[in-house]
Amino acid sequence: MDSALTRYLDDLVATAREVLGDDLVGAYAAGSVGLGAYQAGRSDVDVALVCAGPLTGTVKRTLVARLRHEALPCPARGLELVVYRRAVAAAGSPEPGFEVELNTGRAMPFRRTLDPADRPSADGRFWYGLDRSILRQSGLALLGPPAAEVFADLAPADLRRLLVDALSWWLALPTPPDDRPAPGTEDAVLGACRSLVRHRDGVWLSKVDAGRRLVDTDGSAEMIRRAIAARHGGPPPTGAEARAFQRRVRAEIAG
């Protein structure tokens, strides 16, 4: 982590403690930070807060107001924050189960969700169980006990279902049908690589590291290399290539 990100995470945790007080059990960096793959200028900052019990609407709204980009500027593309009750974190449930969801940042559309029932189903409900699985393995504790003591993993059947749901969601996104490089396909391809490595090897890797693991063993090695290079400015795979790879990965995971 660079110094600006370190200061930001320190300030975020301090602000959360001011709002939640003794109800704050822990704070954990997830995503690219937790997986050791943070890329300044490209990556989001993913943070999970764990609270002792349910939060009131007033506390939820106060937390959002204090942590949104306009109040606490995020040095990355944006902040993706989710707050869970400790019982939810420890349950290993595939359901969203969050208290608060906040997306905010200079290059990120603002989202505030205070109840999982208000989350549009078209936006995907699979993210949270998968994120908690990643947190259990690689969450970086900013405050509180180690992540592995707080977050439970998914049952194998739930993990498989959520991975398939995630791939189906990606496949439903619009992609140019021709053979031109399609912006965004690099993330679709590398996200599928990460899902496949988790399914085969039982370990969560960053998207790029998952792609590198598959390069020597997968028939789509050349396309995966282009997806990795696209993260640093190279041309991405075509939409047709990405979709074919995603469908093959989904079929293997679905069994």
C-alpha atoms as a PDB file:
ATOM      1  CA  MET A   1       0.000   0.000   0.000  1.00  0.00           C
ATOM      2  CA  ASP A   2       1.186   3.517  -0.719  1.00  0.00           C
ATOM      3  CA  SER A   3       1.244   6.153   2.004  1.00  0.00           C
ATOM      4  CA  ALA A   4      -1.921   7.907   0.804  1.00  0.00           C
ATOM      5  CA  LEU A   5      -3.899   4.661   0.984  1.00  0.00           C
ATOM      6  CA  THR A   6      -2.483   3.820   4.421  1.00  0.00           C
ATOM      7  CA  ARG A   7      -3.507   7.234   5.771  1.00  0.00           C
ATOM      8  CA  TYR A   8      -6.950   6.867   4.217  1.00  0.00           C
ATOM      9  CA  LEU A   9      -7.571   3.478   5.809  1.00  0.00           C
ATOM     10  CA  ASP A  10      -6.403   4.810   9.187  1.00  0.00           C
ATOM     11  CA  ASP A  11      -8.819   7.733   8.876  1.00  0.00           C
ATOM     12  CA  LEU A  12     -11.653   5.455   7.752  1.00  0.00           C
ATOM     13  CA  VAL A  13     -11.231   3.188  10.767  1.00  0.00           C
ATOM     14  CA  ALA A  14     -11.005   6.161  13.137  1.00  0.00           C
ATOM     15  CA  THR A  15     -14.205   7.630  11.684  1.00  0.00           C
ATOM     16  CA  ALA A  16     -16.017   4.303  11.919  1.00  0.00           C
ATOM     17  CA  ARG A  17     -15.003   4.055  15.590  1.00  0.00           C
ATOM     18  CA  GLU A  18     -16.378   7.532  16.233  1.00  0.00           C
ATOM     19  CA  VAL A  19     -19.728   6.557  14.734  1.00  0.00           C
ATOM     20  CA  LEU A  20     -20.069   2.969  15.972  1.00  0.00           C
ATOM     21  CA  GLY A  21     -18.179   3.163  19.256  1.00  0.00           C
ATOM     22  CA  ASP A  22     -17.939  -0.131  21.101  1.00  0.00           C
ATOM     23  CA  ASP A  23     -20.242  -1.765  18.536  1.00  0.00           C
ATOM     24  CA  LEU A  24     -17.345  -1.841  16.053  1.00  0.00           C
ATOM     25  CA  VAL A  25     -15.859  -5.352  16.266  1.00  0.00           C
ATOM     26  CA  GLY A  26     -13.363  -5.109  13.417  1.00  0.00           C
ATOM     27  CA  ALA A  27     -12.374  -3.512  10.125  1.00  0.00           C
ATOM     28  CA  TYR A  28     -10.867  -5.471   7.232  1.00  0.00           C
ATOM     29  CA  ALA A  29      -9.353  -4.570   3.879  1.00  0.00           C
ATOM     30  CA  ALA A  30     -10.550  -6.963   1.211  1.00  0.00           C
ATOM     31  CA  GLY A  31     -10.314  -7.152  -2.571  1.00  0.00           C
ATOM     32  CA  SER A  32      -7.044  -6.117  -4.190  1.00  0.00           C
ATOM     33  CA  VAL A  33      -5.615  -4.765  -0.933  1.00  0.00           C
ATOM     34  CA  GLY A  34      -6.233  -8.004   0.953  1.00  0.00           C
ATOM     35  CA  LEU A  35      -4.933 -10.088  -1.959  1.00  0.00           C
ATOM     36  CA  GLY A  36      -1.786  -7.988  -2.322  1.00  0.00           C
ATOM     37  CA  ALA A  37      -2.680  -6.736  -5.808  1.00  0.00           C
ATOM     38  CA  TYR A  38      -3.622  -3.083  -5.239  1.00  0.00           C
ATOM     39  CA  GLN A  39      -2.836  -0.983  -8.323  1.00  0.00           C
ATOM     40  CA  ALA A  40      -2.840   2.762  -7.692  1.00  0.00           C
ATOM     41  CA  GLY A  41      -5.019   4.599 -10.199  1.00  0.00           C
ATOM     42  CA  ARG A  42      -6.953   1.469 -11.170  1.00  0.00           C
ATOM     43  CA  SER A  43      -8.003  -0.499  -8.100  1.00  0.00           C
ATOM     44  CA  ASP A  44     -10.904   0.172  -5.775  1.00  0.00           C
ATOM     45  CA  VAL A  45     -10.549   0.056  -2.015  1.00  0.00           C
ATOM     46  CA  ASP A  46     -12.735  -2.695  -0.543  1.00  0.00           C
ATOM     47  CA  VAL A  47     -13.416  -2.538   3.199  1.00  0.00           C
ATOM     48  CA  ALA A  48     -15.658  -4.636   5.431  1.00  0.00           C
ATOM     49  CA  LEU A  49     -16.701  -3.393   8.839  1.00  0.00           C
ATOM     50  CA  VAL A  50     -18.075  -5.833  11.403  1.00  0.00           C
ATOM     51  CA  CYS A  51     -20.441  -4.622  14.107  1.00  0.00           C
ATOM     52  CA  ALA A  52     -21.712  -6.377  17.202  1.00  0.00           C
ATOM     53  CA  GLY A  53     -25.412  -6.183  16.357  1.00  0.00           C
ATOM     54  CA  PRO A  54     -28.023  -4.515  14.124  1.00  0.00           C
ATOM     55  CA  LEU A  55     -27.559  -0.816  13.393  1.00  0.00           C
ATOM     56  CA  THR A  56     -30.340   1.746  13.605  1.00  0.00           C
ATOM     57  CA  GLY A  57     -31.300   3.726  10.541  1.00  0.00           C
ATOM     58  CA  THR A  58     -29.826   6.860  12.101  1.00  0.00           C
ATOM     59  CA  VAL A  59     -26.463   5.194  12.695  1.00  0.00           C
ATOM     60  CA  LYS A  60     -26.428   3.780   9.156  1.00  0.00           C
ATOM     61  CA  ARG A  61     -27.107   7.176   7.606  1.00  0.00           C
ATOM     62  CA  THR A  62     -24.516   8.846   9.836  1.00  0.00           C
ATOM     63  CA  LEU A  63     -21.887   6.288   8.842  1.00  0.00           C
ATOM     64  CA  VAL A  64     -22.609   6.894   5.163  1.00  0.00           C
ATOM     65  CA  ALA A  65     -22.456  10.672   5.603  1.00  0.00           C
ATOM     66  CA  ARG A  66     -19.105  10.481   7.413  1.00  0.00           C
ATOM     67  CA  LEU A  67     -17.459   7.989   5.022  1.00  0.00           C
ATOM     68  CA  ARG A  68     -18.684   9.126   1.618  1.00  0.00           C
ATOM     69  CA  HIS A  69     -16.058  10.605  -0.692  1.00  0.00           C
ATOM     70  CA  GLU A  70     -17.249  14.179  -0.161  1.00  0.00           C
ATOM     71  CA  ALA A  71     -16.549  13.885   3.583  1.00  0.00           C
ATOM     72  CA  LEU A  72     -13.503  11.562   3.509  1.00  0.00           C
ATOM     73  CA  PRO A  73     -11.837  11.712   0.074  1.00  0.00           C
ATOM     74  CA  CYS A  74     -10.720   8.318  -1.212  1.00  0.00           C
ATOM     75  CA  PRO A  75      -7.329   8.322  -2.973  1.00  0.00           C
ATOM     76  CA  ALA A  76      -8.282   5.334  -5.131  1.00  0.00           C
ATOM     77  CA  ARG A  77     -10.912   5.057  -7.859  1.00  0.00           C
ATOM     78  CA  GLY A  78     -13.442   4.624  -5.113  1.00  0.00           C
ATOM     79  CA  LEU A  79     -14.446   2.933  -1.872  1.00  0.00           C
ATOM     80  CA  GLU A  80     -16.641  -0.159  -1.742  1.00  0.00           C
ATOM     81  CA  LEU A  81     -17.681  -0.516   1.891  1.00  0.00           C
ATOM     82  CA  VAL A  82     -19.935  -3.165   3.401  1.00  0.00           C
ATOM     83  CA  VAL A  83     -20.947  -3.475   7.051  1.00  0.00           C
ATOM     84  CA  TYR A  84     -21.934  -6.869   8.497  1.00  0.00           C
ATOM     85  CA  ARG A  85     -23.170  -7.987  11.883  1.00  0.00           C
ATOM     86  CA  ARG A  86     -20.743 -10.397  13.504  1.00  0.00           C
ATOM     87  CA  ALA A  87     -23.378 -13.150  13.478  1.00  0.00           C
ATOM     88  CA  VAL A  88     -23.748 -12.787   9.700  1.00  0.00           C
ATOM     89  CA  ALA A  89     -19.981 -12.811   9.151  1.00  0.00           C
ATOM     90  CA  ALA A  90     -19.709 -16.012  11.168  1.00  0.00           C
ATOM     91  CA  ALA A  91     -22.654 -17.790   9.532  1.00  0.00           C
ATOM     92  CA  GLY A  92     -21.151 -18.745   6.161  1.00  0.00           C
ATOM     93  CA  SER A  93     -24.410 -17.733   4.507  1.00  0.00           C
ATOM     94  CA  PRO A  94     -24.674 -17.167   0.739  1.00  0.00           C
ATOM     95  CA  GLU A  95     -27.181 -14.341   1.310  1.00  0.00           C
ATOM     96  CA  PRO A  96     -26.143 -10.641   1.180  1.00  0.00           C
ATOM     97  CA  GLY A  97     -26.924 -10.070   4.866  1.00  0.00           C
ATOM     98  CA  PHE A  98     -25.357  -6.610   5.112  1.00  0.00           C
ATOM     99  CA  GLU A  99     -26.286  -3.675   7.330  1.00  0.00           C
ATOM    100  CA  VAL A 100     -24.895  -0.969   5.039  1.00  0.00           C
ATOM    101  CA  GLU A 101     -23.445  -0.917   1.539  1.00  0.00           C
ATOM    102  CA  LEU A 102     -21.656   2.203   0.320  1.00  0.00           C
ATOM    103  CA  ASN A 103     -19.963   2.819  -3.031  1.00  0.00           C
ATOM    104  CA  THR A 104     -18.383   6.247  -3.300  1.00  0.00           C
ATOM    105  CA  GLY A 105     -15.443   7.880  -5.029  1.00  0.00           C
ATOM    106  CA  ARG A 106     -14.197  10.261  -7.705  1.00  0.00           C
ATOM    107  CA  ALA A 107     -14.625   7.640 -10.462  1.00  0.00           C
ATOM    108  CA  MET A 108     -17.374   5.474  -8.981  1.00  0.00           C
ATOM    109  CA  PRO A 109     -21.162   5.916  -9.122  1.00  0.00           C
ATOM    110  CA  PHE A 110     -22.564   6.636  -5.677  1.00  0.00           C
ATOM    111  CA  ARG A 111     -24.589   3.840  -4.090  1.00  0.00           C
ATOM    112  CA  ARG A 112     -26.112   3.715  -0.629  1.00  0.00           C
ATOM    113  CA  THR A 113     -28.075   0.633   0.383  1.00  0.00           C
ATOM    114  CA  LEU A 114     -29.318   0.278   3.949  1.00  0.00           C
ATOM    115  CA  ASP A 115     -31.220  -2.993   3.559  1.00  0.00           C
ATOM    116  CA  PRO A 116     -30.394  -6.009   1.352  1.00  0.00           C
ATOM    117  CA  ALA A 117     -34.019  -6.078   0.198  1.00  0.00           C
ATOM    118  CA  ASP A 118     -33.411  -2.756  -1.542  1.00  0.00           C
ATOM    119  CA  ARG A 119     -30.509  -4.128  -3.592  1.00  0.00           C
ATOM    120  CA  PRO A 120     -31.706  -4.532  -7.225  1.00  0.00           C
ATOM    121  CA  SER A 121     -31.509  -8.191  -8.172  1.00  0.00           C
ATOM    122  CA  ALA A 122     -30.169  -7.204 -11.599  1.00  0.00           C
ATOM    123  CA  ASP A 123     -27.044  -5.852  -9.878  1.00  0.00           C
ATOM    124  CA  GLY A 124     -26.247  -9.275  -8.450  1.00  0.00           C
ATOM    125  CA  ARG A 125     -26.723 -10.761  -4.999  1.00  0.00           C
ATOM    126  CA  PHE A 126     -23.749 -13.122  -5.237  1.00  0.00           C
ATOM    127  CA  TRP A 127     -21.045 -10.564  -4.417  1.00  0.00           C
ATOM    128  CA  TYR A 128     -21.342 -10.671  -0.653  1.00  0.00           C
ATOM    129  CA  GLY A 129     -20.968 -14.365   0.056  1.00  0.00           C
ATOM    130  CA  LEU A 130     -17.988 -14.518  -2.297  1.00  0.00           C
ATOM    131  CA  ASP A 131     -16.441 -11.421  -0.710  1.00  0.00           C
ATOM    132  CA  ARG A 132     -16.801 -12.920   2.765  1.00  0.00           C
ATOM    133  CA  SER A 133     -15.116 -16.105   1.519  1.00  0.00           C
ATOM    134  CA  ILE A 134     -12.202 -14.001   0.249  1.00  0.00           C
ATOM    135  CA  LEU A 135     -12.133 -12.094   3.529  1.00  0.00           C
ATOM    136  CA  ARG A 136     -11.838 -15.303   5.517  1.00  0.00           C
ATOM    137  CA  GLN A 137      -8.763 -16.281   3.527  1.00  0.00           C
ATOM    138  CA  SER A 138      -7.066 -12.954   2.879  1.00  0.00           C
ATOM    139  CA  GLY A 139      -8.773 -10.154   4.775  1.00  0.00           C
ATOM    140  CA  LEU A 140      -6.249  -7.674   6.179  1.00  0.00           C
ATOM    141  CA  ALA A 141      -7.220  -6.751   9.735  1.00  0.00           C
ATOM    142  CA  LEU A 142      -7.151  -2.971  10.208  1.00  0.00           C
ATOM    143  CA  LEU A 143      -8.848  -3.321  13.592  1.00  0.00           C
ATOM    144  CA  GLY A 144      -9.997  -6.318  15.614  1.00  0.00           C
ATOM    145  CA  PRO A 145      -9.256 -10.047  15.540  1.00  0.00           C
ATOM    146  CA  PRO A 146      -7.843 -11.855  12.477  1.00  0.00           C
ATOM    147  CA  ALA A 147     -10.298 -12.162   9.611  1.00  0.00           C
ATOM    148  CA  ALA A 148     -10.248 -15.965   9.775  1.00  0.00           C
ATOM    149  CA  GLU A 149     -11.695 -15.765  13.292  1.00  0.00           C
ATOM    150  CA  VAL A 150     -14.550 -13.510  12.187  1.00  0.00           C
ATOM    151  CA  PHE A 151     -15.622 -14.692   8.730  1.00  0.00           C
ATOM    152  CA  ALA A 152     -16.847 -18.195   7.909  1.00  0.00           C
ATOM    153  CA  ASP A 153     -16.473 -19.757   4.468  1.00  0.00           C
ATOM    154  CA  LEU A 154     -19.288 -20.879   2.215  1.00  0.00           C
ATOM    155  CA  ALA A 155     -20.446 -24.467   1.975  1.00  0.00           C
ATOM    156  CA  PRO A 156     -19.140 -26.070  -1.269  1.00  0.00           C
ATOM    157  CA  ALA A 157     -22.572 -26.166  -2.905  1.00  0.00           C
ATOM    158  CA  ASP A 158     -23.209 -22.499  -2.079  1.00  0.00           C
ATOM    159  CA  LEU A 159     -19.778 -21.521  -3.364  1.00  0.00           C
ATOM    160  CA  ARG A 160     -20.404 -23.316  -6.659  1.00  0.00           C
ATOM    161  CA  ARG A 161     -23.804 -21.695  -7.070  1.00  0.00           C
ATOM    162  CA  LEU A 162     -22.505 -18.183  -6.391  1.00  0.00           C
ATOM    163  CA  LEU A 163     -19.580 -18.638  -8.775  1.00  0.00           C
ATOM    164  CA  VAL A 164     -22.001 -19.756 -11.493  1.00  0.00           C
ATOM    165  CA  ASP A 165     -24.301 -16.807 -10.707  1.00  0.00           C
ATOM    166  CA  ALA A 166     -21.356 -14.419 -10.980  1.00  0.00           C
ATOM    167  CA  LEU A 167     -20.296 -15.789 -14.356  1.00  0.00           C
ATOM    168  CA  SER A 168     -23.880 -15.617 -15.621  1.00  0.00           C
ATOM    169  CA  TRP A 169     -24.084 -11.981 -14.514  1.00  0.00           C
ATOM    170  CA  TRP A 170     -20.881 -11.118 -16.374  1.00  0.00           C
ATOM    171  CA  LEU A 171     -22.132 -12.937 -19.471  1.00  0.00           C
ATOM    172  CA  ALA A 172     -25.324 -10.873 -19.435  1.00  0.00           C
ATOM    173  CA  LEU A 173     -23.400  -7.603 -19.769  1.00  0.00           C
ATOM    174  CA  PRO A 174     -23.403  -6.105 -23.281  1.00  0.00           C
ATOM    175  CA  THR A 175     -20.282  -6.861 -25.326  1.00  0.00           C
ATOM    176  CA  PRO A 176     -19.521  -5.965 -28.963  1.00  0.00           C
ATOM    177  CA  PRO A 177     -20.169  -9.085 -31.088  1.00  0.00           C
ATOM    178  CA  ASP A 178     -17.387  -8.510 -33.643  1.00  0.00           C
ATOM    179  CA  ASP A 179     -13.678  -9.284 -33.532  1.00  0.00           C
ATOM    180  CA  ARG A 180     -12.462  -5.893 -32.285  1.00  0.00           C
ATOM    181  CA  PRO A 181     -10.851  -5.626 -28.817  1.00  0.00           C
ATOM    182  CA  ALA A 182     -13.627  -4.825 -26.343  1.00  0.00           C
ATOM    183  CA  PRO A 183     -12.861  -2.611 -23.321  1.00  0.00           C
ATOM    184  CA  GLY A 184     -13.715  -4.369 -20.070  1.00  0.00           C
ATOM    185  CA  THR A 185     -13.285  -7.896 -21.355  1.00  0.00           C
ATOM    186  CA  GLU A 186      -9.963  -8.158 -19.532  1.00  0.00           C
ATOM    187  CA  ASP A 187     -11.791  -7.976 -16.203  1.00  0.00           C
ATOM    188  CA  ALA A 188     -14.390 -10.493 -17.388  1.00  0.00           C
ATOM    189  CA  VAL A 189     -11.686 -12.948 -18.463  1.00  0.00           C
ATOM    190  CA  LEU A 190      -9.521 -12.523 -15.369  1.00  0.00           C
ATOM    191  CA  GLY A 191     -12.549 -12.697 -13.087  1.00  0.00           C
ATOM    192  CA  ALA A 192     -13.401 -16.031 -14.690  1.00  0.00           C
ATOM    193  CA  CYS A 193      -9.789 -17.130 -14.125  1.00  0.00           C
ATOM    194  CA  ARG A 194     -10.107 -16.318 -10.429  1.00  0.00           C
ATOM    195  CA  SER A 195     -13.344 -18.294 -10.161  1.00  0.00           C
ATOM    196  CA  LEU A 196     -11.804 -21.287 -11.934  1.00  0.00           C
ATOM    197  CA  VAL A 197      -8.711 -21.306  -9.714  1.00  0.00           C
ATOM    198  CA  ARG A 198     -10.910 -21.149  -6.601  1.00  0.00           C
ATOM    199  CA  HIS A 199     -12.994 -24.036  -7.912  1.00  0.00           C
ATOM    200  CA  ARG A 200     -10.027 -26.205  -8.914  1.00  0.00           C
ATOM    201  CA  ASP A 201      -7.452 -25.354  -6.262  1.00  0.00           C
ATOM    202  CA  GLY A 202      -9.509 -24.077  -3.325  1.00  0.00           C
ATOM    203  CA  VAL A 203      -7.631 -20.779  -3.073  1.00  0.00           C
ATOM    204  CA  TRP A 204      -8.537 -17.190  -3.843  1.00  0.00           C
ATOM    205  CA  LEU A 205      -5.968 -15.279  -5.901  1.00  0.00           C
ATOM    206  CA  SER A 206      -6.038 -11.809  -7.374  1.00  0.00           C
ATOM    207  CA  LYS A 207      -7.411 -11.720 -10.910  1.00  0.00           C
ATOM    208  CA  VAL A 208      -3.983 -11.270 -12.475  1.00  0.00           C
ATOM    209  CA  ASP A 209      -2.352 -13.967 -10.324  1.00  0.00           C
ATOM    210  CA  ALA A 210      -5.169 -16.366 -11.212  1.00  0.00           C
ATOM    211  CA  GLY A 211      -4.606 -15.631 -14.890  1.00  0.00           C
ATOM    212  CA  ARG A 212      -0.899 -16.292 -14.524  1.00  0.00           C
ATOM    213  CA  ARG A 213      -1.593 -19.616 -12.816  1.00  0.00           C
ATOM    214  CA  LEU A 214      -3.763 -20.734 -15.733  1.00  0.00           C
ATOM    215  CA  VAL A 215      -1.487 -19.532 -18.530  1.00  0.00           C
ATOM    216  CA  ASP A 216       0.637 -22.681 -18.457  1.00  0.00           C
ATOM    217  CA  THR A 217      -2.262 -25.101 -18.201  1.00  0.00           C
ATOM    218  CA  ASP A 218      -5.196 -23.665 -20.170  1.00  0.00           C
ATOM    219  CA  GLY A 219      -5.897 -23.790 -23.878  1.00  0.00           C
ATOM    220  CA  SER A 220      -6.832 -20.094 -23.784  1.00  0.00           C
ATOM    221  CA  ALA A 221      -3.340 -19.078 -22.652  1.00  0.00           C
ATOM    222  CA  GLU A 222      -2.783 -16.496 -25.398  1.00  0.00           C
ATOM    223  CA  MET A 223      -6.057 -14.713 -24.652  1.00  0.00           C
ATOM    224  CA  ILE A 224      -5.358 -14.755 -20.908  1.00  0.00           C
ATOM    225  CA  ARG A 225      -1.952 -13.171 -21.560  1.00  0.00           C
ATOM    226  CA  ARG A 226      -3.680 -10.390 -23.532  1.00  0.00           C
ATOM    227  CA  ALA A 227      -6.148  -9.870 -20.689  1.00  0.00           C
ATOM    228  CA  ILE A 228      -3.259  -9.479 -18.236  1.00  0.00           C
ATOM    229  CA  ALA A 229      -1.431  -7.083 -20.569  1.00  0.00           C
ATOM    230  CA  ALA A 230      -4.622  -5.030 -20.981  1.00  0.00           C
ATOM    231  CA  ARG A 231      -4.455  -4.165 -17.281  1.00  0.00           C
ATOM    232  CA  HIS A 232      -1.369  -2.141 -18.206  1.00  0.00           C
ATOM    233  CA  GLY A 233      -2.628  -0.539 -21.393  1.00  0.00           C
ATOM    234  CA  GLY A 234      -2.526  -3.338 -23.982  1.00  0.00           C
ATOM    235  CA  PRO A 235      -5.482  -4.249 -26.218  1.00  0.00           C
ATOM    236  CA  PRO A 236      -8.086  -6.413 -24.435  1.00  0.00           C
ATOM    237  CA  PRO A 237      -9.584  -9.650 -25.794  1.00  0.00           C
ATOM    238  CA  THR A 238     -12.600  -9.480 -28.065  1.00  0.00           C
ATOM    239  CA  GLY A 239     -16.088  -9.894 -26.699  1.00  0.00           C
ATOM    240  CA  ALA A 240     -16.528 -13.225 -28.489  1.00  0.00           C
ATOM    241  CA  GLU A 241     -13.317 -14.612 -26.994  1.00  0.00           C
ATOM    242  CA  ALA A 242     -14.249 -13.486 -23.511  1.00  0.00           C
ATOM    243  CA  ARG A 243     -17.743 -14.965 -23.717  1.00  0.00           C
ATOM    244  CA  ALA A 244     -16.500 -18.316 -25.000  1.00  0.00           C
ATOM    245  CA  PHE A 245     -13.995 -18.544 -22.153  1.00  0.00           C
ATOM    246  CA  GLN A 246     -16.565 -17.514 -19.535  1.00  0.00           C
ATOM    247  CA  ARG A 247     -19.050 -20.090 -20.804  1.00  0.00           C
ATOM    248  CA  ARG A 248     -16.426 -22.827 -20.645  1.00  0.00           C
ATOM    249  CA  VAL A 249     -15.463 -21.855 -17.097  1.00  0.00           C
ATOM    250  CA  ARG A 250     -19.116 -21.715 -16.043  1.00  0.00           C
ATOM    251  CA  ALA A 251     -19.770 -25.155 -17.480  1.00  0.00           C
ATOM    252  CA  GLU A 252     -16.804 -26.666 -15.612  1.00  0.00           C
ATOM    253  CA  ILE A 253     -17.795 -25.094 -12.302  1.00  0.00           C
ATOM    254  CA  ALA A 254     -21.447 -26.087 -12.720  1.00  0.00           C
ATOM    255  CA  GLY A 255     -20.257 -29.655 -13.209  1.00  0.00           C
END
